Protein backbone atom coordinates (compact mmCIF):
# COMPACT_ATOMS: atom_id res chain seq x y z
CA UNK A 1 172.88 74.95 123.76
CA UNK A 2 169.60 73.88 122.25
CA UNK A 3 168.75 70.21 122.33
CA UNK A 4 165.22 69.03 121.59
CA UNK A 5 163.45 67.05 124.28
CA UNK A 6 163.42 63.99 122.01
CA UNK A 7 167.22 64.06 121.82
CA UNK A 8 167.43 64.30 125.61
CA UNK A 9 165.08 61.31 125.91
CA UNK A 10 167.20 59.37 123.42
CA UNK A 11 170.37 60.19 125.35
CA UNK A 12 168.75 59.07 128.59
CA UNK A 13 167.48 55.91 126.91
CA UNK A 14 170.99 55.06 125.77
CA UNK A 15 172.32 55.62 129.26
CA UNK A 16 169.59 53.54 130.87
CA UNK A 17 169.95 50.60 128.47
CA UNK A 18 172.21 47.76 129.49
CA UNK A 19 173.56 46.99 126.02
CA UNK A 20 177.19 47.38 127.06
CA UNK A 21 177.50 51.13 126.49
CA UNK A 22 180.99 52.12 127.51
CA UNK A 23 181.75 54.60 130.26
CA UNK A 24 182.97 57.30 127.86
CA UNK A 25 179.70 57.33 125.97
CA UNK A 26 177.67 57.51 129.17
CA UNK A 27 179.89 60.25 130.57
CA UNK A 28 179.54 62.27 127.35
CA UNK A 29 175.75 62.06 127.47
CA UNK A 30 175.65 62.96 131.15
CA UNK A 31 177.85 66.01 130.51
CA UNK A 32 175.52 67.10 127.69
CA UNK A 33 172.47 66.70 129.92
CA UNK A 34 174.18 68.63 132.74
CA UNK A 35 175.04 71.46 130.31
CA UNK A 36 171.46 71.60 129.06
CA UNK A 37 170.15 71.67 132.63
CA UNK A 38 172.50 74.56 133.50
CA UNK A 39 171.37 76.44 130.41
CA UNK A 40 167.72 75.86 131.24
CA UNK A 41 168.25 77.05 134.81
CA UNK A 42 169.91 80.23 133.55
CA UNK A 43 167.13 80.89 131.05
CA UNK A 44 164.44 80.41 133.71
CA UNK A 45 166.20 82.78 136.09
CA UNK A 46 166.46 85.40 133.34
CA UNK A 47 162.84 85.15 132.23
CA UNK A 48 161.24 85.02 135.68
CA UNK A 49 161.33 88.82 136.25
CA UNK A 50 159.93 89.37 132.76
CA UNK A 51 157.05 87.00 133.43
CA UNK A 52 156.22 88.85 136.62
CA UNK A 53 155.68 92.04 134.59
CA UNK A 54 153.11 90.49 132.26
CA UNK A 55 149.42 90.91 132.79
CA UNK A 56 147.40 87.85 133.78
CA UNK A 57 146.21 87.05 130.24
CA UNK A 58 149.71 87.24 128.73
CA UNK A 59 151.12 85.15 131.57
CA UNK A 60 148.44 82.49 131.07
CA UNK A 61 149.08 82.28 127.31
CA UNK A 62 152.80 81.78 127.83
CA UNK A 63 152.34 79.26 130.62
CA UNK A 64 149.88 77.26 128.50
CA UNK A 65 152.54 77.02 125.79
CA UNK A 66 155.24 75.92 128.23
CA UNK A 67 153.24 73.58 130.47
CA UNK A 68 153.26 70.51 128.17
CA UNK A 69 157.01 70.81 127.64
CA UNK A 70 157.56 71.28 131.35
CA UNK A 71 155.55 68.18 132.14
CA UNK A 72 157.42 66.12 129.56
CA UNK A 73 160.77 67.36 130.87
CA UNK A 74 159.80 66.55 134.46
CA UNK A 75 158.80 63.03 133.48
CA UNK A 76 162.03 62.53 131.54
CA UNK A 77 164.11 63.72 134.48
CA UNK A 78 162.25 61.30 136.74
CA UNK A 79 163.24 58.50 134.37
CA UNK A 80 166.85 59.52 134.73
CA UNK A 81 166.93 60.13 138.47
CA UNK A 82 164.06 57.92 139.60
């Protein structure tokens, strides 16, 4: 399941708002977020051994591409759970 970070933020924003969102809608969004988190966890576990085999330069290039997304995701999760 691929869901852009902006869609995750929107889903969280809907959940956090107090505009009378019904329980079904909130539950649906939470299930989607949980599925995405499971998928992300699986992907990270699969790629970790591959990253360990890269040389330092390759590893740095990949990490520089992922770092901004990782930071944004961490902040978004803090909004949800914080």
